[in-house]
Structure formats: structure tokens, C-alpha cells
Amino acid sequence: MVILEVCNPQEAARVLSENLLVGYFLPCKIVVYVENGVTKIGMPKPTMLVGMVSEPTLEKLAADIEKRLIACIDRCR
């Protein structure tokens, strides 16, 4: 198992400027592991994590970040 911590400093600054509590969710994590001979890649969804602070602006930012992370993961498959 490999756990990658990924961060886009500009996006991190954007979300932290909205709410410092989001710092608890940074950096984003991507997990890569093999199960029954199959490589799996996953991550906690930023939209789910940011949902804990209930701020619509942050939810939109998290959705955009999540979409880009999923696109990166899909390119690795």
C-alpha cells in the first residue's frame, strides 16, 4: 500500500482563506494498493470532507478539486 499526499498550493490557499478548519483535511490523500491481484486507487472525497463545515462556497471548490483529482486517477488506470 502506498499513501500519496497531494496538494495544489493555490487551491489550498483558496479554501483556507474561506475557513481555516479545512486545514484538517489537507493535503488530499490518494491510496494505491493491490487486492486479489488488482491494483486499486482511491481517495476520500473532498466534497464529503468539506461537507463537515457546511459552507456552500467551499462545497463548490471541493467539487471542482474532486473532479480534477478523479480525472488524474482515471488517467493513471
Protein backbone atom coordinates (compact mmCIF):
# COMPACT_ATOMS: atom_id res chain seq x y z
CA MET A 1 0.00 0.00 0.00
CA VAL A 2 1.16 3.50 -0.86
CA ILE A 3 -0.46 6.63 0.53
CA LEU A 4 0.21 9.75 -1.50
CA GLU A 5 -0.39 13.20 -0.12
CA VAL A 6 -1.17 15.63 -2.90
CA CYS A 7 -1.59 19.36 -2.70
CA ASN A 8 -2.14 22.28 -5.03
CA PRO A 9 -0.83 25.26 -3.03
CA GLN A 10 -3.07 27.76 -4.84
CA GLU A 11 -6.22 25.72 -4.16
CA ALA A 12 -5.16 25.10 -0.57
CA ALA A 13 -4.78 28.85 -0.07
CA ARG A 14 -8.24 29.43 -1.60
CA VAL A 15 -10.03 27.01 0.71
CA LEU A 16 -8.07 28.08 3.78
CA SER A 17 -8.99 31.71 3.11
CA GLU A 18 -12.65 30.64 3.36
CA ASN A 19 -12.31 28.54 6.51
CA LEU A 20 -9.16 27.60 8.43
CA LEU A 21 -10.78 24.40 9.72
CA VAL A 22 -10.37 22.93 6.24
CA GLY A 23 -6.67 22.66 7.10
CA TYR A 24 -7.57 19.45 8.92
CA PHE A 25 -8.39 17.86 5.55
CA LEU A 26 -5.18 18.92 3.79
CA PRO A 27 -3.29 17.64 1.96
CA CYS A 28 -5.56 15.38 -0.07
CA LYS A 29 -4.73 11.69 0.18
CA ILE A 30 -4.69 9.12 -2.61
CA VAL A 31 -4.25 5.45 -1.69
CA VAL A 32 -2.86 2.85 -4.09
CA TYR A 33 -2.94 -0.84 -3.14
CA VAL A 34 -3.28 -4.32 -4.61
CA GLU A 35 -6.20 -6.51 -3.61
CA ASN A 36 -6.57 -10.02 -5.03
CA GLY A 37 -4.12 -9.15 -7.80
CA VAL A 38 -5.98 -6.00 -8.81
CA THR A 39 -4.45 -2.55 -8.32
CA LYS A 40 -6.89 -0.17 -6.70
CA ILE A 41 -6.68 3.59 -6.39
CA GLY A 42 -8.94 5.59 -4.10
CA MET A 43 -9.30 8.74 -2.06
CA PRO A 44 -11.56 10.36 0.49
CA LYS A 45 -13.85 12.65 -1.50
CA PRO A 46 -13.12 16.32 -0.82
CA THR A 47 -16.86 17.05 -1.10
CA MET A 48 -17.57 14.69 1.79
CA LEU A 49 -14.82 16.16 3.96
CA VAL A 50 -15.78 19.78 3.29
CA GLY A 51 -19.41 18.87 3.95
CA MET A 52 -18.46 18.82 7.63
CA VAL A 53 -18.08 22.61 7.67
CA SER A 54 -21.33 23.35 5.78
CA GLU A 55 -20.25 26.28 3.61
CA PRO A 56 -21.68 26.45 0.06
CA THR A 57 -18.63 28.29 -1.31
CA LEU A 58 -16.32 25.58 -0.05
CA GLU A 59 -18.59 22.85 -1.34
CA LYS A 60 -18.27 24.26 -4.88
CA LEU A 61 -14.49 24.49 -4.58
CA ALA A 62 -14.30 20.94 -3.21
CA ALA A 63 -16.44 19.63 -6.08
CA ASP A 64 -14.06 21.19 -8.61
CA ILE A 65 -10.99 19.81 -6.83
CA GLU A 66 -12.61 16.38 -6.56
CA LYS A 67 -13.41 16.36 -10.28
CA ARG A 68 -9.79 17.16 -11.13
CA LEU A 69 -8.39 14.53 -8.74
CA ILE A 70 -10.68 11.86 -10.21
CA ALA A 71 -9.54 12.85 -13.71
CA CYS A 72 -5.91 12.39 -12.62
CA ILE A 73 -6.67 9.00 -11.09
CA ASP A 74 -8.53 7.93 -14.23
CA ARG A 75 -5.52 8.83 -16.37
CA CYS A 76 -3.35 6.54 -14.19
CA ARG A 77 -5.52 3.48 -14.74
